């Protein structure tokens, strides 16, 4: 019995370490993003779109992916939305915390995105979390948001996105146990 518990603990430590090593690594050679790269990666301006339209599209993006099973959303203030995606795979429980800030601009709405990832063993709640510096998962998010806002006719599913890029380190924040079909952007 002690042997099984020790093996389970070892598997948990190895799996969690591997997960966080992947989650913390940026897509390109572990180099941190410059300020200009970070701004261009995490921020977009949507012309002729209101903050409400942008938040509605973000909400639709996550609700479609999760079919409302492992998803929670919060609106701490008028400019902020937080989406929590959770999932479990033995021996871990994972939580992805997406945060969005919007600000009206003279031409539309600016949105800035951040992402944290946390993992814990079964029976424990994932808390805290580490910032995820993965330009690929943010790029996938924005290509999907572009589609839902009518900016682009292209919707990438996770498999196609991975196949088109050599650097796609962590897409789990959008792809982990998600429905991977193209939604109708006009559906409510």
Protein backbone atom coordinates (compact mmCIF):
# COMPACT_ATOMS: atom_id res chain seq x y z
CA UNK A 1 0.00 0.00 0.00
CA UNK A 2 2.84 2.42 0.86
CA UNK A 3 4.53 1.51 -2.42
CA UNK A 4 1.41 2.43 -4.43
CA UNK A 5 1.10 5.75 -2.58
CA UNK A 6 4.77 6.53 -3.21
CA UNK A 7 4.45 5.71 -6.92
CA UNK A 8 1.31 7.84 -7.19
CA UNK A 9 3.08 10.76 -5.51
CA UNK A 10 6.08 10.38 -7.83
CA UNK A 11 3.85 10.31 -10.93
CA UNK A 12 2.06 13.45 -9.70
CA UNK A 13 5.35 15.31 -9.14
CA UNK A 14 6.73 14.32 -12.55
CA UNK A 15 3.50 15.14 -14.40
CA UNK A 16 3.03 18.47 -12.63
CA UNK A 17 6.67 19.44 -13.21
CA UNK A 18 6.41 18.61 -16.91
CA UNK A 19 3.14 20.51 -17.22
CA UNK A 20 4.52 23.66 -15.58
CA UNK A 21 7.76 23.46 -17.54
CA UNK A 22 5.67 23.50 -20.71
CA UNK A 23 3.25 26.16 -19.44
CA UNK A 24 6.01 28.59 -18.49
CA UNK A 25 7.99 28.23 -21.71
CA UNK A 26 7.42 30.75 -24.43
CA UNK A 27 7.10 29.37 -27.94
CA UNK A 28 10.50 30.49 -29.09
CA UNK A 29 13.70 29.29 -27.45
CA UNK A 30 12.72 30.32 -23.89
CA UNK A 31 13.49 33.95 -24.71
CA UNK A 32 11.22 36.45 -22.97
CA UNK A 33 9.15 38.69 -25.19
CA UNK A 34 10.30 42.25 -25.69
CA UNK A 35 7.83 44.96 -24.68
CA UNK A 36 6.88 45.55 -28.33
CA UNK A 37 6.37 41.81 -28.88
CA UNK A 38 4.27 41.52 -25.72
CA UNK A 39 2.04 44.44 -26.70
CA UNK A 40 1.52 43.08 -30.22
CA UNK A 41 0.87 39.57 -28.87
CA UNK A 42 -1.52 40.35 -26.02
CA UNK A 43 -3.36 43.47 -27.26
CA UNK A 44 -5.69 44.04 -30.21
CA UNK A 45 -7.90 46.91 -31.33
CA UNK A 46 -11.22 46.03 -32.97
CA UNK A 47 -12.45 48.86 -35.17
CA UNK A 48 -16.13 49.75 -34.97
CA UNK A 49 -16.74 47.29 -32.11
CA UNK A 50 -18.01 48.24 -28.67
CA UNK A 51 -16.63 46.73 -25.44
CA UNK A 52 -19.95 44.86 -25.09
CA UNK A 53 -19.58 43.32 -28.56
CA UNK A 54 -16.03 42.23 -27.77
CA UNK A 55 -17.03 40.71 -24.40
CA UNK A 56 -20.00 38.95 -26.03
CA UNK A 57 -17.67 37.39 -28.61
CA UNK A 58 -15.17 36.32 -25.91
CA UNK A 59 -18.01 34.77 -23.91
CA UNK A 60 -19.28 32.95 -27.01
CA UNK A 61 -15.76 31.68 -27.79
CA UNK A 62 -15.37 30.06 -24.37
CA UNK A 63 -18.99 28.89 -24.02
CA UNK A 64 -18.79 27.13 -27.37
CA UNK A 65 -15.48 25.44 -26.54
CA UNK A 66 -16.66 24.16 -23.18
CA UNK A 67 -20.36 23.75 -23.83
CA UNK A 68 -20.71 25.38 -20.37
CA UNK A 69 -19.39 22.26 -18.59
CA UNK A 70 -16.04 23.34 -17.15
CA UNK A 71 -16.35 27.09 -17.49
CA UNK A 72 -16.93 29.98 -15.10
CA UNK A 73 -16.95 33.66 -15.98
CA UNK A 74 -16.68 36.73 -13.77
CA UNK A 75 -17.04 40.43 -14.48
CA UNK A 76 -15.24 42.24 -11.62
CA UNK A 77 -15.90 45.62 -13.23
CA UNK A 78 -17.15 47.15 -16.50
CA UNK A 79 -13.77 46.81 -18.21
CA UNK A 80 -12.76 43.35 -17.00
CA UNK A 81 -13.82 39.79 -17.72
CA UNK A 82 -12.24 36.64 -16.29
CA UNK A 83 -12.89 33.20 -17.78
CA UNK A 84 -11.87 30.04 -15.91
CA UNK A 85 -11.51 26.80 -17.87
CA UNK A 86 -10.92 23.69 -15.80
CA UNK A 87 -10.28 20.08 -16.54
CA UNK A 88 -8.92 16.90 -15.06
CA UNK A 89 -6.73 14.17 -16.37
CA UNK A 90 -5.19 11.65 -14.02
CA UNK A 91 -3.37 12.58 -11.84
CA UNK A 92 -3.94 16.33 -12.26
CA UNK A 93 -6.60 19.01 -12.04
CA UNK A 94 -5.81 22.00 -14.26
CA UNK A 95 -7.24 25.52 -14.28
CA UNK A 96 -6.66 28.13 -16.98
CA UNK A 97 -7.48 31.69 -15.94
CA UNK A 98 -7.98 34.06 -18.86
CA UNK A 99 -8.26 37.76 -18.00
CA UNK A 100 -9.47 40.42 -20.42
CA UNK A 101 -9.41 44.20 -20.10
CA UNK A 102 -11.23 46.36 -22.62
CA UNK A 103 -11.05 50.08 -23.24
CA UNK A 104 -12.98 52.12 -25.77
CA UNK A 105 -10.82 53.88 -28.36
CA UNK A 106 -11.82 56.59 -30.85
CA UNK A 107 -12.08 53.91 -33.55
CA UNK A 108 -13.43 50.93 -31.58
CA UNK A 109 -12.30 48.81 -28.63
CA UNK A 110 -8.89 47.74 -27.37
CA UNK A 111 -8.65 44.36 -25.61
CA UNK A 112 -5.67 43.08 -23.62
CA UNK A 113 -5.42 39.42 -22.69
CA UNK A 114 -3.48 37.60 -19.97
CA UNK A 115 -3.41 33.95 -19.03
CA UNK A 116 -2.41 32.00 -15.91
CA UNK A 117 -2.21 28.25 -15.55
CA UNK A 118 -2.44 26.27 -12.29
CA UNK A 119 -2.40 22.55 -11.60
CA UNK A 120 -2.90 20.35 -8.54
CA UNK A 121 -3.29 16.70 -7.71
CA UNK A 122 -6.73 15.13 -7.48
CA UNK A 123 -8.59 16.11 -4.35
CA UNK A 124 -6.83 19.48 -4.25
CA UNK A 125 -7.94 22.75 -5.76
CA UNK A 126 -5.67 24.36 -8.35
CA UNK A 127 -4.79 27.78 -7.04
CA UNK A 128 -2.43 30.64 -7.68
CA UNK A 129 -0.99 29.86 -11.04
CA UNK A 130 1.86 30.92 -13.23
CA UNK A 131 1.65 33.37 -16.11
CA UNK A 132 1.59 31.54 -19.41
CA UNK A 133 3.90 33.11 -21.94
CA UNK A 134 2.69 31.27 -24.99
CA UNK A 135 2.23 33.49 -28.00
CA UNK A 136 0.68 30.55 -29.87
CA UNK A 137 -2.30 30.10 -27.56
CA UNK A 138 -2.91 33.85 -27.54
CA UNK A 139 -2.68 33.91 -31.35
CA UNK A 140 -5.20 31.05 -31.58
CA UNK A 141 -7.51 32.94 -29.20
CA UNK A 142 -7.32 36.10 -31.32
CA UNK A 143 -7.84 34.26 -34.64
CA UNK A 144 -11.02 32.80 -33.16
CA UNK A 145 -12.11 36.17 -31.76
CA UNK A 146 -11.48 37.74 -35.20
CA UNK A 147 -13.81 35.15 -36.71
CA UNK A 148 -16.57 35.72 -34.15
CA UNK A 149 -16.36 39.50 -34.58
CA UNK A 150 -16.57 39.20 -38.37
CA UNK A 151 -13.02 40.48 -38.93
CA UNK A 152 -11.82 37.23 -40.54
CA UNK A 153 -13.58 34.36 -42.33
CA UNK A 154 -11.06 31.87 -40.88
CA UNK A 155 -11.69 29.68 -37.82
CA UNK A 156 -8.81 27.42 -36.82
CA UNK A 157 -9.49 24.20 -35.00
CA UNK A 158 -6.72 23.07 -32.67
CA UNK A 159 -5.38 20.35 -34.96
CA UNK A 160 -5.11 22.64 -37.99
CA UNK A 161 -3.50 25.39 -35.94
CA UNK A 162 -0.88 22.97 -34.56
CA UNK A 163 -0.16 21.60 -38.04
CA UNK A 164 0.49 25.07 -39.47
CA UNK A 165 3.02 26.13 -36.85
CA UNK A 166 6.24 24.60 -35.67
CA UNK A 167 6.06 26.48 -32.36
CA UNK A 168 2.76 25.75 -30.65
CA UNK A 169 3.93 24.92 -27.16
CA UNK A 170 0.82 25.10 -25.02
CA UNK A 171 -2.59 25.24 -26.63
CA UNK A 172 -4.29 23.43 -23.75
CA UNK A 173 -5.66 26.71 -22.40
CA UNK A 174 -8.08 26.65 -25.36
CA UNK A 175 -7.87 23.08 -26.62
CA UNK A 176 -7.87 20.89 -23.48
CA UNK A 177 -11.05 18.79 -23.69
CA UNK A 178 -12.72 21.47 -25.80
CA UNK A 179 -15.30 21.14 -28.57
CA UNK A 180 -13.21 21.83 -31.65
CA UNK A 181 -15.82 22.63 -34.26
CA UNK A 182 -16.41 25.94 -36.03
CA UNK A 183 -19.33 27.84 -34.48
CA UNK A 184 -21.80 30.00 -36.36
CA UNK A 185 -20.68 33.57 -35.60
CA UNK A 186 -24.26 34.84 -35.93
CA UNK A 187 -25.79 32.35 -33.46
CA UNK A 188 -26.79 33.65 -30.05
